[in-house]
Structure formats: structure tokens, C-alpha cells
Amino acid sequence: MPRKPKEKKEKPAAKGTKKPVVILEPVEVPLLPVSKAADDDFIPEIPAEYADVGAGEVKKAERYFEAVGRRKTAIARVRMYTRSGDVIINGKKYGEYFPTLDLQKTVEDALQKMKLWGRFRVSIKVSGGGIHAQAEAVRHGLARCLIKFNPDFRKRLKRVGFLKRDPRAKERKKFGLKKARRAPQWAKR
């Protein structure tokens, strides 16, 4: 009598082993009929940048260079447009946002050094840090934008130190001390 081949019994999967994954093929679902009235009621939303343009005209996006400048905890996102215009910081002119001449000069430094003041329209969003750190973050961001605009500016901007991200920041307080390094006053008795 011929022998039957033994049937293999499936053993239960050991703990921690994964079961095989079954991949299902996508099935086409017929689209439901849509009434024509629903299409007639649809009004496309117009992006804000094209809203003021008349019918039939298309507004061409203005070209700009973007960079980020940092100082301490201040971060400045700088956009430098190729057309001339004002320097706007957080929705205000830079003279209003930075009230002192010292801070205004800090903001202007990168553009003044390259003799390009007034040649660009600059839009800046700055947050964090103090007002002085924000001014230096803006200068850092403007210097980085100028390099994207023209890589030949790198040598002059690097020489005056506008491309270096100033790493100095407040040191953290340590336990057992009053400040980062200030120890409590020592008393003999």
C-alpha cells in the first residue's frame, strides 16, 4: 500500500512574530452622478495676492530672496524683494519698530556696507529676544539675503562680521549658585 504524504500542520505563531501582510488591490468605485446645479453654485476662492487684479489679468509673483538671521533667542525671517521700497518689520516701518538711531543703524549696516540702501523692498518678521538682539538678527538675515542675491558680496560682508551668527547667549543657572557662576556669599561664622 502506497504511503500518503504527511500534511503539515500550521503551528501557532510564537509571541512577538508578525503575521504576513495581505496587500489588497484597489477596486474602482463608480462615481455617483452629481447634479449640474451643484456645479453652478461652486465659486472658486481667489487667493489674496490676485484679489485686486482685474478680470483677465494675471499678477506675476514678485521675485525675492529669503534668509533667516539669529542672535541670542531672536529670530528674523527676512524677504528681500528686487524692487525698491521700504523696510517693513512686523508690519511697521523700521524707524517705528526700532526707535533709536543706534538700532536703526544696526539694521541698515549690511545694506549700507554694500551701498545698496534703498534698492530693495524688505519684509521682515522678527520674534523672540530683546530689541537689540532683534536688530542684530535682522542685520544677520539681510547679510545672508545679500549673499543669495550676489555671491560676490560674501567676502566684504564676512570681513565686517555680518555673516557670523553671534553665539554669545546667557549661560544657564547652576544649582547651589545664585546665578550661572555667582556663588552665595561665604561667611566664616
C-alpha atoms as a PDB file:
ATOM      1  CA  MET A   1       0.000   0.000   0.000  1.00  0.00           C
ATOM      2  CA  PRO A   2       1.424   3.403  -1.004  1.00  0.00           C
ATOM      3  CA  ARG A   3       2.047   5.892   1.729  1.00  0.00           C
ATOM      4  CA  LYS A   4       0.270   9.226   1.840  1.00  0.00           C
ATOM      5  CA  PRO A   5       2.449  12.287   2.199  1.00  0.00           C
ATOM      6  CA  LYS A   6       2.170  13.825   5.643  1.00  0.00           C
ATOM      7  CA  GLU A   7       0.170  17.026   5.832  1.00  0.00           C
ATOM      8  CA  LYS A   8       1.936  19.871   7.543  1.00  0.00           C
ATOM      9  CA  LYS A   9       0.050  21.321  10.430  1.00  0.00           C
ATOM     10  CA  GLU A  10       0.291  25.064  10.975  1.00  0.00           C
ATOM     11  CA  LYS A  11       1.886  25.800  14.276  1.00  0.00           C
ATOM     12  CA  PRO A  12       0.596  28.769  16.238  1.00  0.00           C
ATOM     13  CA  ALA A  13       2.847  31.802  15.762  1.00  0.00           C
ATOM     14  CA  ALA A  14       5.294  32.428  18.560  1.00  0.00           C
ATOM     15  CA  LYS A  15       4.842  35.566  20.614  1.00  0.00           C
ATOM     16  CA  GLY A  16       6.482  38.587  19.047  1.00  0.00           C
ATOM     17  CA  THR A  17       6.407  37.264  15.461  1.00  0.00           C
ATOM     18  CA  LYS A  18       4.399  39.137  12.908  1.00  0.00           C
ATOM     19  CA  LYS A  19       1.743  37.643  10.687  1.00  0.00           C
ATOM     20  CA  PRO A  20       2.143  38.014   6.926  1.00  0.00           C
ATOM     21  CA  VAL A  21       0.622  41.167   5.472  1.00  0.00           C
ATOM     22  CA  VAL A  22      -2.013  40.758   2.774  1.00  0.00           C
ATOM     23  CA  ILE A  23      -1.999  43.525   0.173  1.00  0.00           C
ATOM     24  CA  LEU A  24      -5.340  44.200  -1.421  1.00  0.00           C
ATOM     25  CA  GLU A  25      -5.604  45.652  -4.906  1.00  0.00           C
ATOM     26  CA  PRO A  26      -7.591  48.887  -5.293  1.00  0.00           C
ATOM     27  CA  VAL A  27     -11.078  48.464  -6.609  1.00  0.00           C
ATOM     28  CA  GLU A  28     -12.650  51.057  -8.863  1.00  0.00           C
ATOM     29  CA  VAL A  29     -15.804  52.526  -7.420  1.00  0.00           C
ATOM     30  CA  PRO A  30     -18.260  54.079  -9.851  1.00  0.00           C
ATOM     31  CA  LEU A  31     -18.728  57.815  -9.319  1.00  0.00           C
ATOM     32  CA  LEU A  32     -22.107  58.957  -8.179  1.00  0.00           C
ATOM     33  CA  PRO A  33     -23.963  61.287 -10.528  1.00  0.00           C
ATOM     34  CA  VAL A  34     -23.661  64.914  -9.461  1.00  0.00           C
ATOM     35  CA  SER A  35     -26.369  67.410 -10.273  1.00  0.00           C
ATOM     36  CA  LYS A  36     -25.492  70.251 -12.599  1.00  0.00           C
ATOM     37  CA  ALA A  37     -26.961  72.728 -10.098  1.00  0.00           C
ATOM     38  CA  ALA A  38     -24.203  71.825  -7.611  1.00  0.00           C
ATOM     39  CA  ASP A  39     -21.546  72.768 -10.193  1.00  0.00           C
ATOM     40  CA  ASP A  40     -23.273  76.081 -10.941  1.00  0.00           C
ATOM     41  CA  ASP A  41     -23.241  77.102  -7.261  1.00  0.00           C
ATOM     42  CA  PHE A  42     -19.489  76.491  -6.853  1.00  0.00           C
ATOM     43  CA  ILE A  43     -17.456  79.721  -6.657  1.00  0.00           C
ATOM     44  CA  PRO A  44     -13.676  79.277  -6.558  1.00  0.00           C
ATOM     45  CA  GLU A  45     -11.803  81.109  -3.821  1.00  0.00           C
ATOM     46  CA  ILE A  46      -9.354  83.672  -5.195  1.00  0.00           C
ATOM     47  CA  PRO A  47      -6.002  83.922  -3.389  1.00  0.00           C
ATOM     48  CA  ALA A  48      -5.413  87.283  -1.680  1.00  0.00           C
ATOM     49  CA  GLU A  49      -2.391  88.090  -3.881  1.00  0.00           C
ATOM     50  CA  TYR A  50      -4.566  88.058  -7.007  1.00  0.00           C
ATOM     51  CA  ALA A  51      -7.701  89.581  -5.474  1.00  0.00           C
ATOM     52  CA  ASP A  52      -7.050  93.171  -6.575  1.00  0.00           C
ATOM     53  CA  VAL A  53      -6.263  92.263 -10.191  1.00  0.00           C
ATOM     54  CA  GLY A  54      -8.953  92.912 -12.805  1.00  0.00           C
ATOM     55  CA  ALA A  55     -10.648  90.198 -14.845  1.00  0.00           C
ATOM     56  CA  GLY A  56      -8.455  88.544 -17.453  1.00  0.00           C
ATOM     57  CA  GLU A  57      -5.185  89.832 -15.937  1.00  0.00           C
ATOM     58  CA  VAL A  58      -2.765  87.640 -14.012  1.00  0.00           C
ATOM     59  CA  LYS A  59      -0.442  89.234 -11.473  1.00  0.00           C
ATOM     60  CA  LYS A  60       3.108  87.932 -11.767  1.00  0.00           C
ATOM     61  CA  ALA A  61       4.683  86.976  -8.426  1.00  0.00           C
ATOM     62  CA  GLU A  62       7.437  89.365  -7.378  1.00  0.00           C
ATOM     63  CA  ARG A  63      10.919  87.834  -7.109  1.00  0.00           C
ATOM     64  CA  TYR A  64      12.552  87.778  -3.678  1.00  0.00           C
ATOM     65  CA  PHE A  65      15.409  86.277  -1.695  1.00  0.00           C
ATOM     66  CA  GLU A  66      14.721  84.785   1.720  1.00  0.00           C
ATOM     67  CA  ALA A  67      17.021  84.087   4.672  1.00  0.00           C
ATOM     68  CA  VAL A  68      16.915  83.644   8.437  1.00  0.00           C
ATOM     69  CA  GLY A  69      19.030  85.676  10.848  1.00  0.00           C
ATOM     70  CA  ARG A  70      19.554  84.807  14.523  1.00  0.00           C
ATOM     71  CA  ARG A  71      21.032  86.395  17.657  1.00  0.00           C
ATOM     72  CA  LYS A  72      20.603  85.082  21.215  1.00  0.00           C
ATOM     73  CA  THR A  73      16.937  83.950  21.185  1.00  0.00           C
ATOM     74  CA  ALA A  74      15.812  86.418  18.476  1.00  0.00           C
ATOM     75  CA  ILE A  75      14.922  85.027  15.050  1.00  0.00           C
ATOM     76  CA  ALA A  76      14.346  87.204  11.968  1.00  0.00           C
ATOM     77  CA  ARG A  77      12.799  85.899   8.726  1.00  0.00           C
ATOM     78  CA  VAL A  78      13.914  88.295   6.003  1.00  0.00           C
ATOM     79  CA  ARG A  79      12.484  88.615   2.488  1.00  0.00           C
ATOM     80  CA  MET A  80      14.312  90.962   0.145  1.00  0.00           C
ATOM     81  CA  TYR A  81      12.334  91.893  -2.978  1.00  0.00           C
ATOM     82  CA  THR A  82      14.187  93.039  -6.091  1.00  0.00           C
ATOM     83  CA  ARG A  83      12.137  96.247  -6.498  1.00  0.00           C
ATOM     84  CA  SER A  84      12.928  99.323  -4.406  1.00  0.00           C
ATOM     85  CA  GLY A  85      10.746 100.210  -1.436  1.00  0.00           C
ATOM     86  CA  ASP A  86      10.583 100.428   2.354  1.00  0.00           C
ATOM     87  CA  VAL A  87      11.938  98.209   5.094  1.00  0.00           C
ATOM     88  CA  ILE A  88       8.910  96.774   6.927  1.00  0.00           C
ATOM     89  CA  ILE A  89       9.395  94.935  10.229  1.00  0.00           C
ATOM     90  CA  ASN A  90       6.367  93.126  11.714  1.00  0.00           C
ATOM     91  CA  GLY A  91       4.008  95.398   9.748  1.00  0.00           C
ATOM     92  CA  LYS A  92       5.709  98.673  10.809  1.00  0.00           C
ATOM     93  CA  LYS A  93       8.370 100.800   9.137  1.00  0.00           C
ATOM     94  CA  TYR A  94      11.776 100.052  10.599  1.00  0.00           C
ATOM     95  CA  GLY A  95      12.030 103.570  12.084  1.00  0.00           C
ATOM     96  CA  GLU A  96       8.887 102.956  14.140  1.00  0.00           C
ATOM     97  CA  TYR A  97       9.841  99.428  15.212  1.00  0.00           C
ATOM     98  CA  PHE A  98      13.403 100.380  16.227  1.00  0.00           C
ATOM     99  CA  PRO A  99      13.049 103.853  17.792  1.00  0.00           C
ATOM    100  CA  THR A 100      16.732 104.676  18.495  1.00  0.00           C
ATOM    101  CA  LEU A 101      19.260 105.689  15.844  1.00  0.00           C
ATOM    102  CA  ASP A 102      21.707 103.078  17.156  1.00  0.00           C
ATOM    103  CA  LEU A 103      19.261 100.220  16.457  1.00  0.00           C
ATOM    104  CA  GLN A 104      18.273 101.705  13.074  1.00  0.00           C
ATOM    105  CA  LYS A 105      21.953 101.902  12.083  1.00  0.00           C
ATOM    106  CA  THR A 106      22.396  98.236  13.088  1.00  0.00           C
ATOM    107  CA  VAL A 107      19.527  97.246  10.771  1.00  0.00           C
ATOM    108  CA  GLU A 108      20.877  99.337   7.878  1.00  0.00           C
ATOM    109  CA  ASP A 109      24.516  98.200   8.260  1.00  0.00           C
ATOM    110  CA  ALA A 110      24.509  95.270   5.804  1.00  0.00           C
ATOM    111  CA  LEU A 111      22.800  97.223   3.014  1.00  0.00           C
ATOM    112  CA  GLN A 112      24.825 100.405   3.686  1.00  0.00           C
ATOM    113  CA  LYS A 113      28.092  98.436   3.573  1.00  0.00           C
ATOM    114  CA  MET A 114      27.242  97.176   0.075  1.00  0.00           C
ATOM    115  CA  LYS A 115      25.926 100.651  -0.951  1.00  0.00           C
ATOM    116  CA  LEU A 116      22.504  99.152  -1.747  1.00  0.00           C
ATOM    117  CA  TRP A 117      20.351 101.095   0.735  1.00  0.00           C
ATOM    118  CA  GLY A 118      17.006 101.952  -0.908  1.00  0.00           C
ATOM    119  CA  ARG A 119      17.461  99.498  -3.791  1.00  0.00           C
ATOM    120  CA  PHE A 120      15.331  96.724  -2.240  1.00  0.00           C
ATOM    121  CA  ARG A 121      11.936  96.361  -0.596  1.00  0.00           C
ATOM    122  CA  VAL A 122      12.468  94.334   2.550  1.00  0.00           C
ATOM    123  CA  SER A 123       9.809  92.497   4.559  1.00  0.00           C
ATOM    124  CA  ILE A 124      10.886  91.115   7.938  1.00  0.00           C
ATOM    125  CA  LYS A 125       9.166  89.029  10.612  1.00  0.00           C
ATOM    126  CA  VAL A 126      11.132  89.055  13.846  1.00  0.00           C
ATOM    127  CA  SER A 127      10.346  87.378  17.176  1.00  0.00           C
ATOM    128  CA  GLY A 128      11.999  86.459  20.463  1.00  0.00           C
ATOM    129  CA  GLY A 129      14.828  88.075  22.368  1.00  0.00           C
ATOM    130  CA  GLY A 130      15.236  91.726  23.243  1.00  0.00           C
ATOM    131  CA  ILE A 131      15.126  94.724  20.938  1.00  0.00           C
ATOM    132  CA  HIS A 132      18.926  94.849  20.486  1.00  0.00           C
ATOM    133  CA  ALA A 133      19.144  91.133  19.685  1.00  0.00           C
ATOM    134  CA  GLN A 134      16.275  91.551  17.194  1.00  0.00           C
ATOM    135  CA  ALA A 135      18.156  94.356  15.406  1.00  0.00           C
ATOM    136  CA  GLU A 136      21.266  92.175  15.134  1.00  0.00           C
ATOM    137  CA  ALA A 137      19.173  89.203  13.934  1.00  0.00           C
ATOM    138  CA  VAL A 138      17.725  91.427  11.180  1.00  0.00           C
ATOM    139  CA  ARG A 139      21.235  92.503  10.145  1.00  0.00           C
ATOM    140  CA  HIS A 140      22.347  88.848  10.036  1.00  0.00           C
ATOM    141  CA  GLY A 141      19.316  87.901   7.904  1.00  0.00           C
ATOM    142  CA  LEU A 142      19.848  90.829   5.500  1.00  0.00           C
ATOM    143  CA  ALA A 143      23.512  89.873   5.052  1.00  0.00           C
ATOM    144  CA  ARG A 144      22.508  86.298   4.204  1.00  0.00           C
ATOM    145  CA  CYS A 145      19.922  87.593   1.690  1.00  0.00           C
ATOM    146  CA  LEU A 146      22.548  89.766   0.000  1.00  0.00           C
ATOM    147  CA  ILE A 147      24.771  86.709  -0.495  1.00  0.00           C
ATOM    148  CA  LYS A 148      21.911  84.859  -2.182  1.00  0.00           C
ATOM    149  CA  PHE A 149      21.385  87.931  -4.362  1.00  0.00           C
ATOM    150  CA  ASN A 150      25.075  88.160  -5.315  1.00  0.00           C
ATOM    151  CA  PRO A 151      27.661  85.622  -4.043  1.00  0.00           C
ATOM    152  CA  ASP A 152      30.457  88.160  -4.694  1.00  0.00           C
ATOM    153  CA  PHE A 153      29.305  90.154  -1.645  1.00  0.00           C
ATOM    154  CA  ARG A 154      30.372  87.330   0.671  1.00  0.00           C
ATOM    155  CA  LYS A 155      33.982  88.443   1.097  1.00  0.00           C
ATOM    156  CA  ARG A 156      33.134  92.021   2.177  1.00  0.00           C
ATOM    157  CA  LEU A 157      30.257  91.004   4.454  1.00  0.00           C
ATOM    158  CA  LYS A 158      32.343  88.289   6.101  1.00  0.00           C
ATOM    159  CA  ARG A 159      35.220  90.719   6.738  1.00  0.00           C
ATOM    160  CA  VAL A 160      32.965  93.080   8.737  1.00  0.00           C
ATOM    161  CA  GLY A 161      31.424  90.117  10.633  1.00  0.00           C
ATOM    162  CA  PHE A 162      27.794  90.323   9.456  1.00  0.00           C
ATOM    163  CA  LEU A 163      27.670  86.671   8.343  1.00  0.00           C
ATOM    164  CA  LYS A 164      28.798  85.235  11.686  1.00  0.00           C
ATOM    165  CA  ARG A 165      25.918  84.114  13.873  1.00  0.00           C
ATOM    166  CA  ASP A 166      26.953  85.637  17.189  1.00  0.00           C
ATOM    167  CA  PRO A 167      26.864  82.583  19.504  1.00  0.00           C
ATOM    168  CA  ARG A 168      27.033  84.517  22.785  1.00  0.00           C
ATOM    169  CA  ALA A 169      23.981  83.879  24.953  1.00  0.00           C
ATOM    170  CA  LYS A 170      23.153  83.909  28.658  1.00  0.00           C
ATOM    171  CA  GLU A 171      24.633  80.922  30.479  1.00  0.00           C
ATOM    172  CA  ARG A 172      22.205  78.763  32.438  1.00  0.00           C
ATOM    173  CA  LYS A 173      21.962  78.995  36.224  1.00  0.00           C
ATOM    174  CA  LYS A 174      23.559  76.131  38.149  1.00  0.00           C
ATOM    175  CA  PHE A 175      22.130  74.634  41.331  1.00  0.00           C
ATOM    176  CA  GLY A 176      23.852  75.701  44.540  1.00  0.00           C
ATOM    177  CA  LEU A 177      24.752  79.050  42.940  1.00  0.00           C
ATOM    178  CA  LYS A 178      22.901  82.365  42.767  1.00  0.00           C
ATOM    179  CA  LYS A 179      23.403  82.759  39.000  1.00  0.00           C
ATOM    180  CA  ALA A 180      25.463  80.931  36.369  1.00  0.00           C
ATOM    181  CA  ARG A 181      28.728  81.367  38.316  1.00  0.00           C
ATOM    182  CA  ARG A 182      27.895  83.695  41.227  1.00  0.00           C
ATOM    183  CA  ALA A 183      28.270  81.726  44.456  1.00  0.00           C
ATOM    184  CA  PRO A 184      26.442  82.648  47.659  1.00  0.00           C
ATOM    185  CA  GLN A 185      28.428  84.940  49.965  1.00  0.00           C
ATOM    186  CA  TRP A 186      30.806  82.998  52.172  1.00  0.00           C
ATOM    187  CA  ALA A 187      30.571  83.606  55.925  1.00  0.00           C
ATOM    188  CA  LYS A 188      33.331  82.474  58.283  1.00  0.00           C
ATOM    189  CA  ARG A 189      30.975  82.157  61.332  1.00  0.00           C
END
